[in-house]
Each structure stands twice: as structure tokens, then as C-alpha cells.
Amino acid sequence: MNKIVLFLKKNKLTILGAVVGALGGYLYFYFVGCSSGSCAITSKPLNSTLYGAIMGALLFNMFKKKTEKKNSEPMN
């Protein structure tokens, strides 16, 4: 249980981005969509939702703070 909570705390911004992107992708399919059915991403709601989730996770991940690891061994 502790590992799950630590993982969620460490990646909360990326997970939030995936959720927001998935919602945006589905809304794009619902309101805009593809009338001919030949569009690769917007022809099916699953494709739009997954694409939006990936793009949202990548976008929100850009704003994560970088943590600097301290090396315990000195450089020679």
C-alpha cells in the first residue's frame, strides 16, 4: 500500500494530465469528430481518448520539478 501511495504522490501531475487529456480527447470526438470515418484518431472515441490521455500526460509532465540526486561516492 505504501508503494502505491508513494507512486501516486510522485506522479500526480502526470496522472492528472492523462485524465484531463482523456476528457479533452473524448470531448473532441463528441463535438468535432470525423464525418467521413477515415480519420485515424478522431474516427473512434477510444482512439481520441487514448491520444488525448497521452498528449495530456506528456504536456503536464513538462511542468514537473526536477529533483537532483546526490551521489554518495565522491568523484576521483
PDB file of N, CA and C in Angstrom:
ATOM      1  N   MET A   1       0.827  -1.205   0.000  1.00  0.00           N
ATOM      2  CA  MET A   1       0.000   0.000   0.000  1.00  0.00           C
ATOM      3  C   MET A   1       0.862   1.254   0.000  1.00  0.00           C
ATOM      4  N   ASN A   2       1.949   1.215   0.745  1.00  0.00           N
ATOM      5  CA  ASN A   2       2.812   2.375   0.856  1.00  0.00           C
ATOM      6  C   ASN A   2       3.469   2.718  -0.478  1.00  0.00           C
ATOM      7  N   LYS A   3       3.839   1.703  -1.267  1.00  0.00           N
ATOM      8  CA  LYS A   3       4.458   1.933  -2.567  1.00  0.00           C
ATOM      9  C   LYS A   3       3.484   2.584  -3.538  1.00  0.00           C
ATOM     10  N   ILE A   4       2.217   2.201  -3.450  1.00  0.00           N
ATOM     11  CA  ILE A   4       1.198   2.779  -4.333  1.00  0.00           C
ATOM     12  C   ILE A   4       1.013   4.257  -4.027  1.00  0.00           C
ATOM     13  N   VAL A   5       0.929   4.590  -2.749  1.00  0.00           N
ATOM     14  CA  VAL A   5       0.743   5.982  -2.343  1.00  0.00           C
ATOM     15  C   VAL A   5       1.958   6.811  -2.751  1.00  0.00           C
ATOM     16  N   LEU A   6       3.147   6.276  -2.589  1.00  0.00           N
ATOM     17  CA  LEU A   6       4.370   6.979  -2.979  1.00  0.00           C
ATOM     18  C   LEU A   6       4.400   7.205  -4.485  1.00  0.00           C
ATOM     19  N   PHE A   7       4.005   6.182  -5.264  1.00  0.00           N
ATOM     20  CA  PHE A   7       3.950   6.317  -6.721  1.00  0.00           C
ATOM     21  C   PHE A   7       2.951   7.398  -7.137  1.00  0.00           C
ATOM     22  N   LEU A   8       1.769   7.412  -6.506  1.00  0.00           N
ATOM     23  CA  LEU A   8       0.753   8.411  -6.850  1.00  0.00           C
ATOM     24  C   LEU A   8       1.204   9.819  -6.495  1.00  0.00           C
ATOM     25  N   LYS A   9       1.870   9.974  -5.357  1.00  0.00           N
ATOM     26  CA  LYS A   9       2.369  11.298  -4.971  1.00  0.00           C
ATOM     27  C   LYS A   9       3.462  11.773  -5.917  1.00  0.00           C
ATOM     28  N   LYS A  10       4.322  10.851  -6.331  1.00  0.00           N
ATOM     29  CA  LYS A  10       5.434  11.215  -7.200  1.00  0.00           C
ATOM     30  C   LYS A  10       4.964  11.590  -8.602  1.00  0.00           C
ATOM     31  N   ASN A  11       3.896  10.956  -9.079  1.00  0.00           N
ATOM     32  CA  ASN A  11       3.430  11.146 -10.459  1.00  0.00           C
ATOM     33  C   ASN A  11       2.056  11.791 -10.555  1.00  0.00           C
ATOM     34  N   LYS A  12       1.657  12.545  -9.548  1.00  0.00           N
ATOM     35  CA  LYS A  12       0.298  13.092  -9.547  1.00  0.00           C
ATOM     36  C   LYS A  12       0.056  14.067 -10.689  1.00  0.00           C
ATOM     37  N   LEU A  13       1.057  14.835 -11.075  1.00  0.00           N
ATOM     38  CA  LEU A  13       0.869  15.793 -12.166  1.00  0.00           C
ATOM     39  C   LEU A  13       0.700  15.082 -13.507  1.00  0.00           C
ATOM     40  N   THR A  14       1.457  14.036 -13.729  1.00  0.00           N
ATOM     41  CA  THR A  14       1.342  13.265 -14.972  1.00  0.00           C
ATOM     42  C   THR A  14      -0.007  12.549 -15.042  1.00  0.00           C
ATOM     43  N   ILE A  15      -0.446  11.984 -13.921  1.00  0.00           N
ATOM     44  CA  ILE A  15      -1.746  11.294 -13.886  1.00  0.00           C
ATOM     45  C   ILE A  15      -2.879  12.284 -14.117  1.00  0.00           C
ATOM     46  N   LEU A  16      -2.780  13.457 -13.502  1.00  0.00           N
ATOM     47  CA  LEU A  16      -3.792  14.495 -13.714  1.00  0.00           C
ATOM     48  C   LEU A  16      -3.832  14.913 -15.181  1.00  0.00           C
ATOM     49  N   GLY A  17      -2.667  15.039 -15.793  1.00  0.00           N
ATOM     50  CA  GLY A  17      -2.602  15.383 -17.216  1.00  0.00           C
ATOM     51  C   GLY A  17      -3.244  14.326 -18.093  1.00  0.00           C
ATOM     52  N   ALA A  18      -3.049  13.062 -17.736  1.00  0.00           N
ATOM     53  CA  ALA A  18      -3.662  11.976 -18.513  1.00  0.00           C
ATOM     54  C   ALA A  18      -5.185  12.018 -18.398  1.00  0.00           C
ATOM     55  N   VAL A  19      -5.688  12.297 -17.215  1.00  0.00           N
ATOM     56  CA  VAL A  19      -7.138  12.362 -17.017  1.00  0.00           C
ATOM     57  C   VAL A  19      -7.728  13.552 -17.775  1.00  0.00           C
ATOM     58  N   VAL A  20      -7.094  14.709 -17.657  1.00  0.00           N
ATOM     59  CA  VAL A  20      -7.583  15.909 -18.359  1.00  0.00           C
ATOM     60  C   VAL A  20      -7.498  15.703 -19.873  1.00  0.00           C
ATOM     61  N   GLY A  21      -6.402  15.115 -20.342  1.00  0.00           N
ATOM     62  CA  GLY A  21      -6.245  14.861 -21.775  1.00  0.00           C
ATOM     63  C   GLY A  21      -7.250  13.859 -22.301  1.00  0.00           C
ATOM     64  N   ALA A  22      -7.537  12.817 -21.518  1.00  0.00           N
ATOM     65  CA  ALA A  22      -8.528  11.827 -21.936  1.00  0.00           C
ATOM     66  C   ALA A  22      -9.906  12.473 -22.054  1.00  0.00           C
ATOM     67  N   LEU A  23     -10.253  13.303 -21.111  1.00  0.00           N
ATOM     68  CA  LEU A  23     -11.534  14.018 -21.172  1.00  0.00           C
ATOM     69  C   LEU A  23     -11.575  14.939 -22.387  1.00  0.00           C
ATOM     70  N   GLY A  24     -10.486  15.650 -22.624  1.00  0.00           N
ATOM     71  CA  GLY A  24     -10.419  16.528 -23.791  1.00  0.00           C
ATOM     72  C   GLY A  24     -10.499  15.763 -25.096  1.00  0.00           C
ATOM     73  N   GLY A  25      -9.834  14.607 -25.159  1.00  0.00           N
ATOM     74  CA  GLY A  25      -9.873  13.794 -26.366  1.00  0.00           C
ATOM     75  C   GLY A  25     -11.267  13.272 -26.652  1.00  0.00           C
ATOM     76  N   TYR A  26     -11.965  12.840 -25.600  1.00  0.00           N
ATOM     77  CA  TYR A  26     -13.327  12.347 -25.815  1.00  0.00           C
ATOM     78  C   TYR A  26     -14.256  13.491 -26.227  1.00  0.00           C
ATOM     79  N   LEU A  27     -14.111  14.637 -25.578  1.00  0.00           N
ATOM     80  CA  LEU A  27     -14.953  15.780 -25.944  1.00  0.00           C
ATOM     81  C   LEU A  27     -14.688  16.219 -27.379  1.00  0.00           C
ATOM     82  N   TYR A  28     -13.442  16.141 -27.811  1.00  0.00           N
ATOM     83  CA  TYR A  28     -13.135  16.471 -29.198  1.00  0.00           C
ATOM     84  C   TYR A  28     -13.831  15.498 -30.143  1.00  0.00           C
ATOM     85  N   PHE A  29     -13.803  14.213 -29.818  1.00  0.00           N
ATOM     86  CA  PHE A  29     -14.508  13.229 -30.648  1.00  0.00           C
ATOM     87  C   PHE A  29     -16.000  13.525 -30.680  1.00  0.00           C
ATOM     88  N   TYR A  30     -16.570  13.822 -29.519  1.00  0.00           N
ATOM     89  CA  TYR A  30     -18.015  14.004 -29.410  1.00  0.00           C
ATOM     90  C   TYR A  30     -18.488  15.242 -30.174  1.00  0.00           C
ATOM     91  N   PHE A  31     -17.780  16.351 -30.021  1.00  0.00           N
ATOM     92  CA  PHE A  31     -18.250  17.597 -30.622  1.00  0.00           C
ATOM     93  C   PHE A  31     -17.725  17.834 -32.036  1.00  0.00           C
ATOM     94  N   VAL A  32     -16.511  17.389 -32.348  1.00  0.00           N
ATOM     95  CA  VAL A  32     -15.927  17.629 -33.667  1.00  0.00           C
ATOM     96  C   VAL A  32     -15.949  16.345 -34.484  1.00  0.00           C
ATOM     97  N   GLY A  33     -15.281  15.324 -33.970  1.00  0.00           N
ATOM     98  CA  GLY A  33     -15.307  14.011 -34.607  1.00  0.00           C
ATOM     99  C   GLY A  33     -14.791  13.984 -36.026  1.00  0.00           C
ATOM    100  N   CYS A  34     -15.236  12.986 -36.761  1.00  0.00           N
ATOM    101  CA  CYS A  34     -14.830  12.806 -38.151  1.00  0.00           C
ATOM    102  C   CYS A  34     -16.054  12.325 -38.922  1.00  0.00           C
ATOM    103  N   SER A  35     -16.531  13.133 -39.837  1.00  0.00           N
ATOM    104  CA  SER A  35     -17.763  12.791 -40.546  1.00  0.00           C
ATOM    105  C   SER A  35     -17.566  11.665 -41.561  1.00  0.00           C
ATOM    106  N   SER A  36     -16.383  11.546 -42.143  1.00  0.00           N
ATOM    107  CA  SER A  36     -16.187  10.527 -43.175  1.00  0.00           C
ATOM    108  C   SER A  36     -15.794   9.168 -42.592  1.00  0.00           C
ATOM    109  N   GLY A  37     -15.271   9.140 -41.380  1.00  0.00           N
ATOM    110  CA  GLY A  37     -14.855   7.886 -40.766  1.00  0.00           C
ATOM    111  C   GLY A  37     -13.462   7.438 -41.162  1.00  0.00           C
ATOM    112  N   SER A  38     -12.765   8.232 -41.953  1.00  0.00           N
ATOM    113  CA  SER A  38     -11.428   7.841 -42.400  1.00  0.00           C
ATOM    114  C   SER A  38     -10.310   8.492 -41.587  1.00  0.00           C
ATOM    115  N   CYS A  39     -10.657   9.286 -40.603  1.00  0.00           N
ATOM    116  CA  CYS A  39      -9.652   9.933 -39.756  1.00  0.00           C
ATOM    117  C   CYS A  39      -9.102   8.905 -38.763  1.00  0.00           C
ATOM    118  N   ALA A  40      -7.786   8.817 -38.665  1.00  0.00           N
ATOM    119  CA  ALA A  40      -7.169   7.784 -37.834  1.00  0.00           C
ATOM    120  C   ALA A  40      -7.436   8.001 -36.346  1.00  0.00           C
ATOM    121  N   ILE A  41      -7.383   9.231 -35.891  1.00  0.00           N
ATOM    122  CA  ILE A  41      -7.510   9.486 -34.452  1.00  0.00           C
ATOM    123  C   ILE A  41      -8.958   9.760 -34.052  1.00  0.00           C
ATOM    124  N   THR A  42      -9.659  10.552 -34.805  1.00  0.00           N
ATOM    125  CA  THR A  42     -10.983  11.004 -34.377  1.00  0.00           C
ATOM    126  C   THR A  42     -12.139  10.157 -34.903  1.00  0.00           C
ATOM    127  N   SER A  43     -11.867   9.045 -35.554  1.00  0.00           N
ATOM    128  CA  SER A  43     -12.970   8.234 -36.077  1.00  0.00           C
ATOM    129  C   SER A  43     -13.624   7.385 -34.983  1.00  0.00           C
ATOM    130  N   LYS A  44     -12.895   7.057 -33.922  1.00  0.00           N
ATOM    131  CA  LYS A  44     -13.420   6.244 -32.829  1.00  0.00           C
ATOM    132  C   LYS A  44     -13.163   6.938 -31.492  1.00  0.00           C
ATOM    133  N   PRO A  45     -14.093   6.817 -30.544  1.00  0.00           N
ATOM    134  CA  PRO A  45     -13.887   7.507 -29.255  1.00  0.00           C
ATOM    135  C   PRO A  45     -12.697   6.950 -28.468  1.00  0.00           C
ATOM    136  N   LEU A  46     -12.416   5.676 -28.598  1.00  0.00           N
ATOM    137  CA  LEU A  46     -11.273   5.114 -27.871  1.00  0.00           C
ATOM    138  C   LEU A  46      -9.960   5.708 -28.365  1.00  0.00           C
ATOM    139  N   ASN A  47      -9.824   5.847 -29.673  1.00  0.00           N
ATOM    140  CA  ASN A  47      -8.606   6.438 -30.234  1.00  0.00           C
ATOM    141  C   ASN A  47      -8.420   7.872 -29.759  1.00  0.00           C
ATOM    142  N   SER A  48      -9.472   8.661 -29.815  1.00  0.00           N
ATOM    143  CA  SER A  48      -9.383  10.057 -29.384  1.00  0.00           C
ATOM    144  C   SER A  48      -9.058  10.165 -27.901  1.00  0.00           C
ATOM    145  N   THR A  49      -9.671   9.313 -27.090  1.00  0.00           N
ATOM    146  CA  THR A  49      -9.459   9.354 -25.650  1.00  0.00           C
ATOM    147  C   THR A  49      -8.026   8.960 -25.297  1.00  0.00           C
ATOM    148  N   LEU A  50      -7.520   7.884 -25.907  1.00  0.00           N
ATOM    149  CA  LEU A  50      -6.148   7.461 -25.633  1.00  0.00           C
ATOM    150  C   LEU A  50      -5.128   8.482 -26.123  1.00  0.00           C
ATOM    151  N   TYR A  51      -5.337   9.028 -27.290  1.00  0.00           N
ATOM    152  CA  TYR A  51      -4.431  10.051 -27.819  1.00  0.00           C
ATOM    153  C   TYR A  51      -4.430  11.282 -26.912  1.00  0.00           C
ATOM    154  N   GLY A  52      -5.610  11.696 -26.478  1.00  0.00           N
ATOM    155  CA  GLY A  52      -5.694  12.840 -25.571  1.00  0.00           C
ATOM    156  C   GLY A  52      -5.016  12.561 -24.237  1.00  0.00           C
ATOM    157  N   ALA A  53      -5.159  11.338 -23.719  1.00  0.00           N
ATOM    158  CA  ALA A  53      -4.520  10.988 -22.452  1.00  0.00           C
ATOM    159  C   ALA A  53      -3.002  11.029 -22.572  1.00  0.00           C
ATOM    160  N   ILE A  54      -2.470  10.503 -23.655  1.00  0.00           N
ATOM    161  CA  ILE A  54      -1.020  10.520 -23.847  1.00  0.00           C
ATOM    162  C   ILE A  54      -0.509  11.943 -24.001  1.00  0.00           C
ATOM    163  N   MET A  55      -1.182  12.737 -24.797  1.00  0.00           N
ATOM    164  CA  MET A  55      -0.749  14.113 -25.003  1.00  0.00           C
ATOM    165  C   MET A  55      -0.871  14.939 -23.707  1.00  0.00           C
ATOM    166  N   GLY A  56      -1.939  14.718 -22.951  1.00  0.00           N
ATOM    167  CA  GLY A  56      -2.107  15.429 -21.685  1.00  0.00           C
ATOM    168  C   GLY A  56      -1.043  15.046 -20.673  1.00  0.00           C
ATOM    169  N   ALA A  57      -0.712  13.760 -20.597  1.00  0.00           N
ATOM    170  CA  ALA A  57       0.329  13.310 -19.667  1.00  0.00           C
ATOM    171  C   ALA A  57       1.676  13.905 -20.049  1.00  0.00           C
ATOM    172  N   LEU A  58       1.991  13.913 -21.340  1.00  0.00           N
ATOM    173  CA  LEU A  58       3.256  14.500 -21.778  1.00  0.00           C
ATOM    174  C   LEU A  58       3.308  15.998 -21.513  1.00  0.00           C
ATOM    175  N   LEU A  59       2.201  16.679 -21.752  1.00  0.00           N
ATOM    176  CA  LEU A  59       2.164  18.125 -21.535  1.00  0.00           C
ATOM    177  C   LEU A  59       2.314  18.473 -20.056  1.00  0.00           C
ATOM    178  N   PHE A  60       1.555  17.809 -19.191  1.00  0.00           N
ATOM    179  CA  PHE A  60       1.631  18.109 -17.762  1.00  0.00           C
ATOM    180  C   PHE A  60       2.970  17.660 -17.180  1.00  0.00           C
ATOM    181  N   ASN A  61       3.576  16.627 -17.743  1.00  0.00           N
ATOM    182  CA  ASN A  61       4.853  16.129 -17.258  1.00  0.00           C
ATOM    183  C   ASN A  61       5.971  17.152 -17.473  1.00  0.00           C
ATOM    184  N   MET A  62       5.811  18.032 -18.443  1.00  0.00           N
ATOM    185  CA  MET A  62       6.819  19.068 -18.687  1.00  0.00           C
ATOM    186  C   MET A  62       6.953  20.015 -17.506  1.00  0.00           C
ATOM    187  N   PHE A  63       5.928  20.128 -16.678  1.00  0.00           N
ATOM    188  CA  PHE A  63       5.926  21.083 -15.584  1.00  0.00           C
ATOM    189  C   PHE A  63       6.347  20.469 -14.254  1.00  0.00           C
ATOM    190  N   LYS A  64       6.794  19.198 -14.268  1.00  0.00           N
ATOM    191  CA  LYS A  64       7.282  18.572 -13.044  1.00  0.00           C
ATOM    192  C   LYS A  64       8.605  19.189 -12.639  1.00  0.00           C
ATOM    193  N   LYS A  65       8.784  19.352 -11.332  1.00  0.00           N
ATOM    194  CA  LYS A  65      10.060  19.852 -10.833  1.00  0.00           C
ATOM    195  C   LYS A  65      11.080  18.734 -10.884  1.00  0.00           C
ATOM    196  N   LYS A  66      12.265  19.070 -11.295  1.00  0.00           N
ATOM    197  CA  LYS A  66      13.346  18.091 -11.356  1.00  0.00           C
ATOM    198  C   LYS A  66      13.984  17.984  -9.973  1.00  0.00           C
ATOM    199  N   THR A  67      14.197  16.760  -9.506  1.00  0.00           N
ATOM    200  CA  THR A  67      14.890  16.559  -8.241  1.00  0.00           C
ATOM    201  C   THR A  67      16.306  16.104  -8.543  1.00  0.00           C
ATOM    202  N   GLU A  68      17.230  16.679  -7.827  1.00  0.00           N
ATOM    203  CA  GLU A  68      18.638  16.373  -8.045  1.00  0.00           C
ATOM    204  C   GLU A  68      19.070  15.258  -7.108  1.00  0.00           C
ATOM    205  N   LYS A  69      19.624  14.200  -7.674  1.00  0.00           N
ATOM    206  CA  LYS A  69      20.112  13.092  -6.863  1.00  0.00           C
ATOM    207  C   LYS A  69      21.518  13.423  -6.379  1.00  0.00           C
ATOM    208  N   LYS A  70      21.742  13.177  -5.107  1.00  0.00           N
ATOM    209  CA  LYS A  70      23.078  13.372  -4.554  1.00  0.00           C
ATOM    210  C   LYS A  70      23.837  12.068  -4.651  1.00  0.00           C
ATOM    211  N   ASN A  71      25.014  12.133  -5.202  1.00  0.00           N
ATOM    212  CA  ASN A  71      25.852  10.955  -5.356  1.00  0.00           C
ATOM    213  C   ASN A  71      26.606  10.739  -4.043  1.00  0.00           C
ATOM    214  N   SER A  72      26.504   9.543  -3.463  1.00  0.00           N
ATOM    215  CA  SER A  72      27.142   9.268  -2.182  1.00  0.00           C
ATOM    216  C   SER A  72      28.644   9.044  -2.330  1.00  0.00           C
ATOM    217  N   GLU A  73      29.104   8.688  -3.527  1.00  0.00           N
ATOM    218  CA  GLU A  73      30.521   8.472  -3.744  1.00  0.00           C
ATOM    219  C   GLU A  73      31.150   9.689  -4.399  1.00  0.00           C
ATOM    220  N   PRO A  74      32.264  10.164  -3.832  1.00  0.00           N
ATOM    221  CA  PRO A  74      32.923  11.336  -4.440  1.00  0.00           C
ATOM    222  C   PRO A  74      33.600  10.959  -5.757  1.00  0.00           C
ATOM    223  N   MET A  75      33.675  11.901  -6.648  1.00  0.00           N
ATOM    224  CA  MET A  75      34.332  11.692  -7.948  1.00  0.00           C
ATOM    225  C   MET A  75      35.833  11.691  -7.742  1.00  0.00           C
ATOM    226  N   ASN A  76      36.555  10.821  -8.411  1.00  0.00           N
ATOM    227  CA  ASN A  76      38.010  10.768  -8.297  1.00  0.00           C
ATOM    228  C   ASN A  76      38.676  11.608  -9.348  1.00  0.00           C
TER     229      ASN A  76
END
